[in-house]
Amino acid sequence: SCRTHHDRDINASINLKNEAIRLLTTRTVEIA
């Protein structure tokens, strides 16, 4: 149970980081 929750937290943080990178990339492309 604890292990599953830990993996879910890792996946959530990865998704957040990917989303942030995607938003930054999109914003940079629009500016350029």
PDB file of N, CA and C in Angstrom:
ATOM      1  N   SER A   1       0.847  -1.202   0.000  1.00  0.00           N
ATOM      2  CA  SER A   1       0.000   0.000   0.000  1.00  0.00           C
ATOM      3  C   SER A   1       0.880   1.249   0.000  1.00  0.00           C
ATOM      4  N   CYS A   2       1.879   1.252   0.883  1.00  0.00           N
ATOM      5  CA  CYS A   2       2.764   2.414   0.970  1.00  0.00           C
ATOM      6  C   CYS A   2       3.566   2.552  -0.329  1.00  0.00           C
ATOM      7  N   ARG A   3       3.999   1.400  -0.860  1.00  0.00           N
ATOM      8  CA  ARG A   3       4.790   1.419  -2.089  1.00  0.00           C
ATOM      9  C   ARG A   3       3.962   1.966  -3.259  1.00  0.00           C
ATOM     10  N   THR A   4       2.708   1.538  -3.332  1.00  0.00           N
ATOM     11  CA  THR A   4       1.845   1.999  -4.415  1.00  0.00           C
ATOM     12  C   THR A   4       1.636   3.503  -4.324  1.00  0.00           C
ATOM     13  N   HIS A   5       1.428   3.987  -3.109  1.00  0.00           N
ATOM     14  CA  HIS A   5       1.214   5.423  -2.918  1.00  0.00           C
ATOM     15  C   HIS A   5       2.466   6.191  -3.309  1.00  0.00           C
ATOM     16  N   HIS A   6       3.629   5.627  -2.998  1.00  0.00           N
ATOM     17  CA  HIS A   6       4.898   6.277  -3.312  1.00  0.00           C
ATOM     18  C   HIS A   6       5.066   6.389  -4.826  1.00  0.00           C
ATOM     19  N   ASP A   7       4.761   5.319  -5.545  1.00  0.00           N
ATOM     20  CA  ASP A   7       4.880   5.341  -7.006  1.00  0.00           C
ATOM     21  C   ASP A   7       3.930   6.372  -7.598  1.00  0.00           C
ATOM     22  N   ARG A   8       2.731   6.478  -7.015  1.00  0.00           N
ATOM     23  CA  ARG A   8       1.750   7.432  -7.521  1.00  0.00           C
ATOM     24  C   ARG A   8       2.265   8.855  -7.329  1.00  0.00           C
ATOM     25  N   ASP A   9       2.915   9.119  -6.202  1.00  0.00           N
ATOM     26  CA  ASP A   9       3.467  10.449  -5.950  1.00  0.00           C
ATOM     27  C   ASP A   9       4.565  10.765  -6.958  1.00  0.00           C
ATOM     28  N   ILE A  10       5.390   9.767  -7.260  1.00  0.00           N
ATOM     29  CA  ILE A  10       6.468   9.973  -8.235  1.00  0.00           C
ATOM     30  C   ILE A  10       5.868  10.274  -9.606  1.00  0.00           C
ATOM     31  N   ASN A  11       4.859   9.509  -9.999  1.00  0.00           N
ATOM     32  CA  ASN A  11       4.223   9.737 -11.293  1.00  0.00           C
ATOM     33  C   ASN A  11       3.593  11.120 -11.345  1.00  0.00           C
ATOM     34  N   ALA A  12       2.990  11.558 -10.255  1.00  0.00           N
ATOM     35  CA  ALA A  12       2.363  12.872 -10.215  1.00  0.00           C
ATOM     36  C   ALA A  12       3.409  13.965 -10.390  1.00  0.00           C
ATOM     37  N   SER A  13       4.548  13.821  -9.725  1.00  0.00           N
ATOM     38  CA  SER A  13       5.596  14.831  -9.829  1.00  0.00           C
ATOM     39  C   SER A  13       6.171  14.851 -11.239  1.00  0.00           C
ATOM     40  N   ILE A  14       6.301  13.682 -11.857  1.00  0.00           N
ATOM     41  CA  ILE A  14       6.805  13.619 -13.232  1.00  0.00           C
ATOM     42  C   ILE A  14       5.810  14.294 -14.171  1.00  0.00           C
ATOM     43  N   ASN A  15       4.525  14.026 -13.980  1.00  0.00           N
ATOM     44  CA  ASN A  15       3.509  14.637 -14.831  1.00  0.00           C
ATOM     45  C   ASN A  15       3.512  16.145 -14.679  1.00  0.00           C
ATOM     46  N   LEU A  16       3.664  16.623 -13.435  1.00  0.00           N
ATOM     47  CA  LEU A  16       3.703  18.062 -13.201  1.00  0.00           C
ATOM     48  C   LEU A  16       4.904  18.686 -13.895  1.00  0.00           C
ATOM     49  N   LYS A  17       6.055  18.022 -13.805  1.00  0.00           N
ATOM     50  CA  LYS A  17       7.266  18.572 -14.424  1.00  0.00           C
ATOM     51  C   LYS A  17       7.122  18.587 -15.946  1.00  0.00           C
ATOM     52  N   ASN A  18       6.577  17.511 -16.512  1.00  0.00           N
ATOM     53  CA  ASN A  18       6.389  17.471 -17.962  1.00  0.00           C
ATOM     54  C   ASN A  18       5.420  18.554 -18.410  1.00  0.00           C
ATOM     55  N   GLU A  19       4.357  18.767 -17.639  1.00  0.00           N
ATOM     56  CA  GLU A  19       3.372  19.793 -17.967  1.00  0.00           C
ATOM     57  C   GLU A  19       4.008  21.170 -17.907  1.00  0.00           C
ATOM     58  N   ALA A  20       4.827  21.417 -16.884  1.00  0.00           N
ATOM     59  CA  ALA A  20       5.496  22.714 -16.749  1.00  0.00           C
ATOM     60  C   ALA A  20       6.441  22.946 -17.919  1.00  0.00           C
ATOM     61  N   ILE A  21       7.196  21.921 -18.292  1.00  0.00           N
ATOM     62  CA  ILE A  21       8.120  22.047 -19.426  1.00  0.00           C
ATOM     63  C   ILE A  21       7.335  22.318 -20.707  1.00  0.00           C
ATOM     64  N   ARG A  22       6.203  21.642 -20.876  1.00  0.00           N
ATOM     65  CA  ARG A  22       5.396  21.821 -22.079  1.00  0.00           C
ATOM     66  C   ARG A  22       4.859  23.248 -22.147  1.00  0.00           C
ATOM     67  N   LEU A  23       4.397  23.766 -21.011  1.00  0.00           N
ATOM     68  CA  LEU A  23       3.877  25.129 -20.984  1.00  0.00           C
ATOM     69  C   LEU A  23       4.978  26.133 -21.284  1.00  0.00           C
ATOM     70  N   LEU A  24       6.162  25.917 -20.698  1.00  0.00           N
ATOM     71  CA  LEU A  24       7.283  26.825 -20.944  1.00  0.00           C
ATOM     72  C   LEU A  24       7.687  26.778 -22.413  1.00  0.00           C
ATOM     73  N   THR A  25       7.719  25.590 -22.984  1.00  0.00           N
ATOM     74  CA  THR A  25       8.099  25.446 -24.393  1.00  0.00           C
ATOM     75  C   THR A  25       7.084  26.143 -25.288  1.00  0.00           C
ATOM     76  N   THR A  26       5.801  25.957 -25.000  1.00  0.00           N
ATOM     77  CA  THR A  26       4.755  26.578 -25.803  1.00  0.00           C
ATOM     78  C   THR A  26       4.854  28.093 -25.719  1.00  0.00           C
ATOM     79  N   ARG A  27       5.079  28.610 -24.516  1.00  0.00           N
ATOM     80  CA  ARG A  27       5.177  30.052 -24.320  1.00  0.00           C
ATOM     81  C   ARG A  27       6.386  30.611 -25.067  1.00  0.00           C
ATOM     82  N   THR A  28       7.504  29.898 -25.037  1.00  0.00           N
ATOM     83  CA  THR A  28       8.717  30.351 -25.720  1.00  0.00           C
ATOM     84  C   THR A  28       8.485  30.388 -27.226  1.00  0.00           C
ATOM     85  N   VAL A  29       7.814  29.380 -27.752  1.00  0.00           N
ATOM     86  CA  VAL A  29       7.549  29.330 -29.191  1.00  0.00           C
ATOM     87  C   VAL A  29       6.653  30.495 -29.596  1.00  0.00           C
ATOM     88  N   GLU A  30       5.659  30.813 -28.784  1.00  0.00           N
ATOM     89  CA  GLU A  30       4.752  31.912 -29.105  1.00  0.00           C
ATOM     90  C   GLU A  30       5.488  33.241 -29.110  1.00  0.00           C
ATOM     91  N   ILE A  31       6.412  33.421 -28.151  1.00  0.00           N
ATOM     92  CA  ILE A  31       7.170  34.670 -28.075  1.00  0.00           C
ATOM     93  C   ILE A  31       8.099  34.779 -29.283  1.00  0.00           C
ATOM     94  N   ALA A  32       8.758  33.683 -29.625  1.00  0.00           N
ATOM     95  CA  ALA A  32       9.691  33.683 -30.753  1.00  0.00           C
ATOM     96  C   ALA A  32       8.880  33.678 -32.061  1.00  0.00           C
TER      97      ALA A  32
END
